[in-house]
Every structure is written in structure tokens, then in C-alpha cells.
Amino acid sequence: MDQGADKATRYRRIMIKLSGGAMAGSDTIFDQAAIEHIVDQILSAVDLGCAVAIMVGGGNIFRGNVAAKWHIERAEADNMGMLGTVINGVMLRAAINARIQTDVRVMTAISINQIAEPYIRLRADRHLDKGSIVILVGGIGQPYVTTDYPAVQRALELRCDAILAAKHGVDGVFTDDPKTNPKAKRYRSLTFDEVIQRDLRVMDQSAMLLARDHALPIHLFNFDQPGRIRDICLGRDVGTYIGVDAKTLLAEDSAG
């Protein structure tokens, strides 16, 4: 780790919001190249001296919102989704430790002590202070909640300076769908109120409201592009910044 690099970083402690889909291939639950890319991104922040917590989803294994299609109760579907996050957390820990012998803690909101330790706020905070990477699984242990809200809640509990919300194929928030409109412009920054009032759906509304009420900055960025997490930590203009101190500004670049 570069012991002097943290003086130049924007944030001391970050929460990375990672979807389960980021770990999947086109027709597989896990894709080795995708997981290697995730590890690269995480370690780039660690190398800068940032303390890193990660809230991981389970969408590559099971999504609670398919309950109606499967004709099962939503609570049961969400329980399966939470178990999926545990599998992803263990996989991510193994992948990180295959690259670097640093301490990686998987902390769970649901009891599964043989595989992961229970989430206790002060213990998680201590792990981060000691330089461990903390992977949070199981959401908040309750159904009817996506991992967006727990990411914000845990970030606040652990005194993270910002949330880095990984998106796929789109580098932030745009004036229109950049996949269908090549003239769509990226927002460099947005206020929380504008995101909420315009119902932009970049994250769950409940998560966005909680972040706004506690002035927790959010960066939305294209996780597919290498180096994005490092760029954000170094203060570079990538993705879209959402914060109470933000102004509604368009970036100079186009959707490309």
C-alpha cells in the first residue's frame, strides 16, 4: 500500500455499492474476468490509502422482484436474494485473498456464523480502522428492501465519506438514455432534490432520501471502465456526483 497516497485522496473512507450482476457472465452466475475486474477496482482504492467497505447485491443468483413471475411470496424471494449476497461476499473475499494477503471481513445481517461474522457496527468500524476490507452481505436482514438502502444506511453507520454506486454501461446520469440517443449529455453533478423530484431512478428513492437527509455524497459511474474508482478517489471528473453541495451541471463530453 502507498502509505503517502491517502493525503491526495478526496475521501478517507468509502462505501462501494456493487450489484451482483457485476460478478456474472452473459450466461453464468460468476465470470472470472468480471470478478478480476472488481478486485482490481477495489484494490486501486486500497492502494491509495482509502478504507473500503462494500455492499454487495445478489442479482446474479436471485432477484426478489421476480417473485410474481415465480408465483412465490415476495418475502421468500427476498430471503433467497439475501442468501445470494452471502455467496457473492464469500466469492469476493476469496478472489481478493487470491491476489493479496490482506484482511477481508464478510459481515452479514443474517445469522450464518460458520461462513461470515455478524454485522456489528462498532466491530465493522474497528475492522476498517485497522485496514481491513469489509464486505457487507444480507442487506439489513429484512425483505422488501433492495441493497441500495442498506448501502446508504451502513455508510452512515460506518462514517463513510461517500458512496460509490457502480453502474454498468452508463457513466452516470444523462439527459436521456445514452444507449438510444447518442446526443445525450452526462450530468457532471446533480442536487439530491432534483434527482428525487424528477424521479430519475438512479437508486431507490428511499436510499436517495436517506443520503440527502444526512448529506452523504453519491457518485454514480460506469464500473465497466477500468480505473473509475481510483479516478473518483483522486477527485477527477467521472460519472455523476450527487450531493447537497452540488449544482446541476452538464459535463462537456457527450454520451461517448
Protein backbone atom coordinates (compact mmCIF):
# COMPACT_ATOMS: atom_id res chain seq x y z
CA MET A 1 0.00 0.00 0.00
CA ASP A 2 1.20 3.51 -0.81
CA GLN A 3 1.41 4.98 2.68
CA GLY A 4 1.59 8.56 1.48
CA ALA A 5 -1.09 8.46 -1.17
CA ASP A 6 -4.04 9.00 1.16
CA LYS A 7 -3.07 12.69 1.60
CA ALA A 8 -4.05 13.32 -2.02
CA THR A 9 -7.34 11.47 -2.00
CA ARG A 10 -10.76 13.06 -1.83
CA TYR A 11 -12.14 10.54 0.67
CA ARG A 12 -10.76 8.74 3.70
CA ARG A 13 -13.41 6.01 3.82
CA ILE A 14 -15.75 4.88 1.05
CA MET A 15 -18.70 2.56 0.57
CA ILE A 16 -18.77 0.77 -2.79
CA LYS A 17 -22.27 -0.28 -3.83
CA LEU A 18 -21.79 -3.31 -6.06
CA SER A 19 -24.55 -5.22 -7.82
CA GLY A 20 -24.49 -8.97 -8.04
CA GLY A 21 -24.75 -8.62 -11.80
CA ALA A 22 -21.22 -7.19 -11.85
CA MET A 23 -19.94 -10.65 -10.94
CA ALA A 24 -21.83 -12.52 -13.66
CA GLY A 25 -21.08 -13.53 -17.21
CA SER A 26 -23.53 -13.50 -20.09
CA ASP A 27 -24.81 -16.95 -19.17
CA THR A 28 -23.06 -17.77 -15.88
CA ILE A 29 -23.54 -16.80 -12.24
CA PHE A 30 -19.85 -15.96 -11.92
CA ASP A 31 -17.39 -14.77 -14.53
CA GLN A 32 -13.69 -14.89 -13.74
CA ALA A 33 -12.78 -11.84 -15.81
CA ALA A 34 -15.59 -9.82 -14.24
CA ILE A 35 -14.51 -10.75 -10.72
CA GLU A 36 -10.87 -9.97 -11.50
CA HIS A 37 -12.01 -6.54 -12.72
CA ILE A 38 -13.91 -5.98 -9.47
CA VAL A 39 -10.85 -6.90 -7.42
CA ASP A 40 -8.70 -4.51 -9.49
CA GLN A 41 -11.10 -1.66 -8.79
CA ILE A 42 -11.28 -2.37 -5.06
CA LEU A 43 -7.53 -2.68 -4.64
CA SER A 44 -6.97 0.57 -6.54
CA ALA A 45 -8.75 2.40 -3.70
CA VAL A 46 -6.93 0.40 -1.03
CA ASP A 47 -3.60 1.30 -2.68
CA LEU A 48 -4.49 4.97 -2.31
CA GLY A 49 -4.96 4.52 1.43
CA CYS A 50 -8.75 4.56 1.43
CA ALA A 51 -10.67 2.40 3.89
CA VAL A 52 -13.10 0.34 1.81
CA ALA A 53 -16.48 -1.12 2.72
CA ILE A 54 -18.52 -2.91 0.06
CA MET A 55 -22.26 -3.57 -0.04
CA VAL A 56 -22.78 -6.44 -2.47
CA GLY A 57 -26.04 -7.45 -4.13
CA GLY A 58 -27.26 -10.88 -5.16
CA GLY A 59 -28.93 -10.29 -8.51
CA ASN A 60 -26.71 -12.72 -10.37
CA ILE A 61 -28.16 -15.53 -8.24
CA PHE A 62 -31.73 -14.47 -7.48
CA ARG A 63 -33.71 -11.24 -7.58
CA GLY A 64 -36.57 -10.66 -5.19
CA ASN A 65 -38.51 -8.68 -7.78
CA VAL A 66 -39.18 -11.86 -9.81
CA ALA A 67 -41.47 -13.16 -7.05
CA ALA A 68 -44.66 -12.59 -9.06
CA LYS A 69 -43.23 -14.39 -12.09
CA TRP A 70 -42.38 -17.41 -9.96
CA HIS A 71 -45.71 -17.20 -8.06
CA ILE A 72 -43.98 -17.05 -4.69
CA GLU A 73 -44.26 -14.58 -1.85
CA ARG A 74 -42.04 -11.53 -2.15
CA ALA A 75 -40.67 -12.10 1.35
CA GLU A 76 -39.47 -15.58 0.35
CA ALA A 77 -37.93 -14.25 -2.84
CA ASP A 78 -36.10 -11.53 -0.93
CA ASN A 79 -34.81 -14.10 1.56
CA MET A 80 -33.29 -16.04 -1.34
CA GLY A 81 -31.80 -12.84 -2.68
CA MET A 82 -30.18 -12.12 0.70
CA LEU A 83 -28.66 -15.60 0.73
CA GLY A 84 -27.31 -14.85 -2.75
CA THR A 85 -25.47 -11.83 -1.38
CA VAL A 86 -23.74 -14.08 1.15
CA ILE A 87 -22.46 -16.35 -1.64
CA ASN A 88 -21.22 -13.30 -3.55
CA GLY A 89 -19.50 -11.89 -0.48
CA VAL A 90 -17.62 -15.13 0.17
CA MET A 91 -16.62 -15.33 -3.50
CA LEU A 92 -15.35 -11.75 -3.42
CA ARG A 93 -13.35 -12.39 -0.25
CA ALA A 94 -11.75 -15.45 -1.84
CA ALA A 95 -10.94 -13.54 -5.02
CA ILE A 96 -9.30 -10.69 -3.12
CA ASN A 97 -7.24 -13.04 -0.98
CA ALA A 98 -6.12 -14.90 -4.09
CA ARG A 99 -4.45 -11.63 -5.14
CA ILE A 100 -3.34 -10.05 -1.89
CA GLN A 101 -2.98 -11.30 1.65
CA THR A 102 -4.93 -8.52 3.31
CA ASP A 103 -7.61 -9.00 5.92
CA VAL A 104 -11.06 -9.23 4.33
CA ARG A 105 -14.11 -9.47 6.58
CA VAL A 106 -17.50 -10.66 5.36
CA MET A 107 -20.12 -9.30 7.76
CA THR A 108 -23.72 -10.40 7.49
CA ALA A 109 -27.06 -9.02 8.64
CA ILE A 110 -28.49 -12.56 8.75
CA SER A 111 -27.12 -15.21 11.08
CA ILE A 112 -24.76 -17.60 9.29
CA ASN A 113 -21.84 -17.75 11.69
CA GLN A 114 -19.96 -20.64 10.10
CA ILE A 115 -19.39 -18.57 6.95
CA ALA A 116 -19.46 -14.90 7.92
CA GLU A 117 -19.33 -12.88 11.11
CA PRO A 118 -22.41 -10.98 12.29
CA TYR A 119 -22.58 -7.32 11.37
CA ILE A 120 -21.90 -5.23 14.47
CA ARG A 121 -21.36 -1.56 13.77
CA LEU A 122 -18.50 -0.94 16.19
CA ARG A 123 -16.73 -4.13 15.12
CA ALA A 124 -17.05 -3.19 11.44
CA ASP A 125 -15.75 0.28 12.22
CA ARG A 126 -12.75 -1.23 14.03
CA HIS A 127 -12.01 -3.53 11.10
CA LEU A 128 -11.92 -0.53 8.77
CA ASP A 129 -9.69 1.42 11.14
CA LYS A 130 -7.23 -1.48 11.11
CA GLY A 131 -7.09 -1.52 7.32
CA SER A 132 -9.36 -4.50 6.67
CA ILE A 133 -11.69 -4.59 3.68
CA VAL A 134 -15.25 -5.07 4.92
CA ILE A 135 -17.78 -6.83 2.67
CA LEU A 136 -21.37 -6.38 3.83
CA VAL A 137 -23.93 -9.04 2.90
CA GLY A 138 -27.53 -9.86 3.72
CA GLY A 139 -28.73 -6.29 3.21
CA ILE A 140 -30.30 -5.27 6.50
CA GLY A 141 -31.71 -8.75 7.04
CA GLN A 142 -35.27 -7.82 6.09
CA PRO A 143 -37.36 -8.37 2.93
CA TYR A 144 -38.84 -5.66 0.69
CA VAL A 145 -35.55 -3.74 0.71
CA THR A 146 -33.02 -3.64 -2.12
CA THR A 147 -29.33 -3.23 -1.35
CA ASP A 148 -29.46 0.50 -2.22
CA TYR A 149 -30.98 1.43 1.14
CA PRO A 150 -28.66 -0.77 3.25
CA ALA A 151 -25.68 0.69 1.37
CA VAL A 152 -26.65 4.19 2.49
CA GLN A 153 -27.59 3.08 6.00
CA ARG A 154 -24.33 1.18 6.56
CA ALA A 155 -22.30 4.01 5.02
CA LEU A 156 -23.79 6.39 7.56
CA GLU A 157 -23.28 3.97 10.44
CA LEU A 158 -19.64 3.47 9.46
CA ARG A 159 -18.99 7.17 8.87
CA CYS A 160 -18.11 6.71 5.21
CA ASP A 161 -17.36 9.92 3.35
CA ALA A 162 -19.21 8.89 0.18
CA ILE A 163 -20.97 6.10 -1.67
CA LEU A 164 -19.57 4.95 -5.00
CA ALA A 165 -22.51 3.35 -6.80
CA ALA A 166 -21.32 1.10 -9.64
CA LYS A 167 -23.42 1.12 -12.81
CA HIS A 168 -22.94 -0.92 -15.95
CA GLY A 169 -22.56 0.54 -19.41
CA VAL A 170 -23.55 4.09 -18.40
CA ASP A 171 -21.13 6.55 -16.84
CA GLY A 172 -23.52 8.35 -14.52
CA VAL A 173 -26.80 10.19 -15.11
CA PHE A 174 -27.67 11.53 -18.56
CA THR A 175 -30.22 13.90 -20.01
CA ASP A 176 -31.62 10.98 -22.00
CA ASP A 177 -30.86 7.30 -22.50
CA PRO A 178 -27.34 7.34 -23.99
CA LYS A 179 -27.85 3.84 -25.38
CA THR A 180 -30.57 5.10 -27.72
CA ASN A 181 -29.72 8.79 -28.01
CA PRO A 182 -26.07 9.48 -28.93
CA LYS A 183 -26.64 13.19 -28.24
CA ALA A 184 -27.50 12.58 -24.59
CA LYS A 185 -25.31 14.62 -22.23
CA ARG A 186 -23.85 13.43 -18.97
CA TYR A 187 -24.60 15.37 -15.83
CA ARG A 188 -21.38 16.23 -14.09
CA SER A 189 -23.32 16.90 -10.90
CA LEU A 190 -26.90 16.99 -9.62
CA THR A 191 -28.64 18.01 -6.43
CA PHE A 192 -30.46 15.40 -4.38
CA ASP A 193 -33.70 17.32 -4.70
CA GLU A 194 -33.54 17.32 -8.48
CA VAL A 195 -32.92 13.57 -8.59
CA ILE A 196 -35.85 12.96 -6.24
CA GLN A 197 -38.29 15.44 -7.78
CA ARG A 198 -37.59 14.25 -11.32
CA ASP A 199 -37.81 10.62 -10.18
CA LEU A 200 -34.62 9.76 -12.07
CA ARG A 201 -34.48 6.26 -10.53
CA VAL A 202 -30.71 6.14 -10.31
CA MET A 203 -31.16 4.49 -6.89
CA ASP A 204 -34.12 3.64 -4.70
CA GLN A 205 -35.95 6.79 -3.65
CA SER A 206 -35.77 5.73 -0.01
CA ALA A 207 -31.98 5.43 -0.28
CA MET A 208 -31.70 8.79 -2.01
CA LEU A 209 -33.82 10.48 0.67
CA LEU A 210 -31.72 8.99 3.46
CA ALA A 211 -28.50 10.13 1.78
CA ARG A 212 -29.92 13.62 1.24
CA ASP A 213 -31.12 13.98 4.83
CA HIS A 214 -27.64 13.12 6.11
CA ALA A 215 -25.64 14.92 3.42
CA LEU A 216 -23.93 11.74 2.20
CA PRO A 217 -22.42 12.25 -1.29
CA ILE A 218 -23.08 9.68 -4.02
CA HIS A 219 -21.03 9.05 -7.15
CA LEU A 220 -22.65 7.08 -9.98
CA PHE A 221 -20.16 5.81 -12.54
CA ASN A 222 -19.54 3.20 -15.21
CA PHE A 223 -17.95 0.30 -13.38
CA ASP A 224 -17.10 -1.43 -16.66
CA GLN A 225 -14.36 1.11 -17.36
CA PRO A 226 -11.04 0.41 -15.58
CA GLY A 227 -9.77 2.89 -13.03
CA ARG A 228 -13.05 4.64 -12.30
CA ILE A 229 -12.93 4.13 -8.53
CA ARG A 230 -9.36 5.39 -8.40
CA ASP A 231 -10.33 8.41 -10.52
CA ILE A 232 -13.17 9.31 -8.16
CA CYS A 233 -10.97 8.95 -5.09
CA LEU A 234 -8.43 11.28 -6.70
CA GLY A 235 -11.10 13.90 -7.39
CA ARG A 236 -11.32 13.50 -11.14
CA ASP A 237 -14.46 14.32 -13.14
CA VAL A 238 -16.00 10.95 -13.97
CA GLY A 239 -19.57 9.80 -13.65
CA THR A 240 -22.14 11.96 -11.89
CA TYR A 241 -21.77 13.49 -8.45
CA ILE A 242 -24.91 13.90 -6.32
CA GLY A 243 -24.64 15.94 -3.13
CA VAL A 244 -26.18 18.65 -1.01
CA ASP A 245 -23.38 20.97 -2.15
CA ALA A 246 -23.83 20.08 -5.83
CA LYS A 247 -25.13 22.21 -8.66
CA THR A 248 -26.90 20.93 -11.73
CA LEU A 249 -24.09 20.92 -14.28
CA LEU A 250 -23.60 19.15 -17.58
CA ALA A 251 -20.23 17.69 -18.46
CA GLU A 252 -18.58 18.89 -21.65
CA ASP A 253 -18.36 15.39 -23.06
CA SER A 254 -21.21 13.61 -24.83
CA ALA A 255 -22.66 10.17 -24.12
CA GLY A 256 -19.48 8.59 -25.50
